[in-house]
Amino acid sequence: MLNRRALLFAAALLTLTACGQTQPPTVVVNAWSPAAPPGATVVAVYGEISARQDDVLLRIAAPSATSAELHETSEENGMMKMRPVTRLELKAGTPVQLAPGGMHVMLMGMQEAFAPGAQIPITFEFEQAGEVSVMAQVK
């Protein structure tokens, strides 16, 4: 009797799992940008990138910016420096934090200012997952 119940429970669990939404292989979550002062043409975007399988970030684009790049901040000889990251390799199950003072997206040539509460559309292109579009919340 116990084996039959266990089998029925397992079958029900598999059915529920199959009916559920499938998660994309790579996601960008909690995307946000600090509100920029009037006239600013460059803004940073932060968040987290997670991959369920190894993947590579190839490009970033935003319709409101003339260009978008991944940058990394580091300290060299007491000076903070930013450098573009041209290729970001993602390891399955190891999230990459995009945070102030670290790695972040730079949107340059912004064509409009976004007030707090607005959302900035951004598209990340990955080698395996393809295009992943997100809305970065302006705070």
Protein backbone atom coordinates (compact mmCIF):
# COMPACT_ATOMS: atom_id res chain seq x y z
CA MET A 1 0.00 0.00 0.00
CA LEU A 2 2.80 2.41 0.87
CA ASN A 3 4.53 1.82 -2.46
CA ARG A 4 1.35 2.57 -4.36
CA ARG A 5 0.86 5.85 -2.42
CA ALA A 6 4.48 6.81 -3.05
CA LEU A 7 4.05 6.10 -6.77
CA LEU A 8 0.82 8.12 -6.92
CA PHE A 9 2.47 11.02 -5.08
CA ALA A 10 5.47 10.93 -7.43
CA ALA A 11 3.19 10.84 -10.49
CA ALA A 12 1.16 13.79 -9.17
CA LEU A 13 4.35 15.74 -8.46
CA LEU A 14 5.68 15.08 -11.95
CA THR A 15 2.38 16.15 -13.48
CA LEU A 16 2.34 19.40 -11.51
CA THR A 17 5.96 20.08 -12.46
CA ALA A 18 5.23 19.44 -16.14
CA CYS A 19 2.23 21.77 -16.03
CA GLY A 20 4.20 24.57 -14.36
CA GLN A 21 5.98 27.29 -16.24
CA THR A 22 9.45 26.45 -17.44
CA GLN A 23 12.14 28.86 -16.42
CA PRO A 24 14.42 30.32 -19.08
CA PRO A 25 18.02 29.08 -18.93
CA THR A 26 19.37 32.55 -18.09
CA VAL A 27 17.57 35.38 -16.29
CA VAL A 28 18.22 38.97 -15.24
CA VAL A 29 16.37 39.88 -12.04
CA ASN A 30 15.95 42.91 -9.81
CA ALA A 31 17.18 45.30 -12.50
CA TRP A 32 17.23 48.90 -11.28
CA SER A 33 18.84 52.24 -12.01
CA PRO A 34 19.36 55.25 -9.77
CA ALA A 35 17.52 58.36 -10.95
CA ALA A 36 19.94 60.57 -12.87
CA PRO A 37 20.10 64.35 -12.56
CA PRO A 38 18.48 66.40 -15.36
CA GLY A 39 20.66 66.49 -18.47
CA ALA A 40 22.63 63.35 -17.58
CA THR A 41 23.37 61.22 -20.62
CA VAL A 42 24.88 58.24 -18.77
CA VAL A 43 23.18 55.98 -16.22
CA ALA A 44 24.16 52.77 -14.47
CA VAL A 45 21.95 49.71 -14.16
CA TYR A 46 22.28 47.05 -11.48
CA GLY A 47 20.68 43.68 -10.78
CA GLU A 48 21.59 40.00 -10.91
CA ILE A 49 22.26 37.60 -13.77
CA SER A 50 21.70 33.88 -13.14
CA ALA A 51 22.15 30.94 -15.50
CA ARG A 52 20.86 27.39 -15.07
CA GLN A 53 23.48 26.26 -17.59
CA ASP A 54 26.82 27.76 -18.56
CA ASP A 55 26.24 30.77 -20.81
CA VAL A 56 27.99 33.87 -22.13
CA LEU A 57 26.70 37.46 -22.19
CA LEU A 58 27.42 38.74 -25.69
CA ARG A 59 25.68 42.13 -25.96
CA ILE A 60 23.43 44.60 -24.19
CA ALA A 61 21.10 47.08 -25.86
CA ALA A 62 18.60 49.71 -24.74
CA PRO A 63 16.38 51.68 -27.12
CA SER A 64 16.75 54.82 -24.98
CA ALA A 65 20.58 54.79 -25.19
CA THR A 66 22.99 55.04 -28.11
CA SER A 67 25.14 52.32 -26.52
CA ALA A 68 25.13 49.92 -23.58
CA GLU A 69 28.17 48.22 -22.08
CA LEU A 70 29.01 46.00 -19.17
CA HIS A 71 31.63 47.69 -16.96
CA GLU A 72 33.66 46.57 -13.99
CA THR A 73 34.87 48.95 -11.29
CA SER A 74 38.19 48.26 -9.63
CA GLU A 75 40.71 50.07 -7.46
CA GLU A 76 44.23 50.57 -8.78
CA ASN A 77 46.82 52.51 -6.77
CA GLY A 78 44.11 54.20 -4.70
CA MET A 79 42.13 55.27 -7.80
CA MET A 80 38.76 53.86 -8.81
CA LYS A 81 38.68 52.82 -12.48
CA MET A 82 36.00 51.46 -14.77
CA ARG A 83 36.78 49.21 -17.68
CA PRO A 84 34.47 47.61 -20.24
CA VAL A 85 33.87 43.86 -19.95
CA THR A 86 33.56 42.53 -23.49
CA ARG A 87 32.70 38.93 -22.55
CA LEU A 88 31.04 37.70 -19.38
CA GLU A 89 31.10 33.95 -18.88
CA LEU A 90 28.33 32.69 -16.61
CA LYS A 91 28.66 29.46 -14.66
CA ALA A 92 25.52 27.44 -14.00
CA GLY A 93 24.14 28.15 -10.54
CA THR A 94 26.58 31.01 -9.79
CA PRO A 95 24.77 34.37 -9.97
CA VAL A 96 26.65 37.49 -11.06
CA GLN A 97 25.81 40.60 -9.06
CA LEU A 98 25.59 43.92 -10.87
CA ALA A 99 26.06 46.40 -8.02
CA PRO A 100 27.39 49.88 -7.24
CA GLY A 101 31.17 49.76 -6.93
CA GLY A 102 31.38 46.51 -8.90
CA MET A 103 30.17 45.16 -12.20
CA HIS A 104 27.29 47.14 -13.76
CA VAL A 105 25.65 48.10 -17.05
CA MET A 106 26.41 51.58 -18.39
CA LEU A 107 23.77 53.11 -20.65
CA MET A 108 25.42 55.92 -22.61
CA GLY A 109 23.93 58.58 -24.82
CA MET A 110 20.59 58.49 -23.03
CA GLN A 111 18.02 60.24 -25.18
CA GLU A 112 15.64 60.97 -22.31
CA ALA A 113 15.70 61.30 -18.55
CA PHE A 114 13.79 58.72 -16.54
CA ALA A 115 12.13 59.88 -13.32
CA PRO A 116 11.85 57.67 -10.24
CA GLY A 117 9.17 55.05 -10.82
CA ALA A 118 9.84 54.85 -14.57
CA GLN A 119 11.18 51.72 -16.24
CA ILE A 120 14.06 51.46 -18.70
CA PRO A 121 13.79 48.63 -21.25
CA ILE A 122 17.04 46.69 -21.69
CA THR A 123 17.84 43.59 -23.76
CA PHE A 124 20.66 41.23 -22.84
CA GLU A 125 21.83 38.80 -25.52
CA PHE A 126 23.29 35.49 -24.36
CA GLU A 127 25.04 32.76 -26.34
CA GLN A 128 22.70 30.00 -25.12
CA ALA A 129 19.57 31.79 -23.88
CA GLY A 130 19.32 34.29 -26.74
CA GLU A 131 17.68 37.62 -26.00
CA VAL A 132 16.41 38.33 -22.49
CA SER A 133 14.46 41.57 -22.13
CA VAL A 134 13.98 43.27 -18.76
CA MET A 135 12.61 46.52 -17.40
CA ALA A 136 14.99 48.31 -15.03
CA GLN A 137 13.11 50.17 -12.30
CA VAL A 138 14.32 53.76 -11.78
CA LYS A 139 14.69 54.47 -8.04
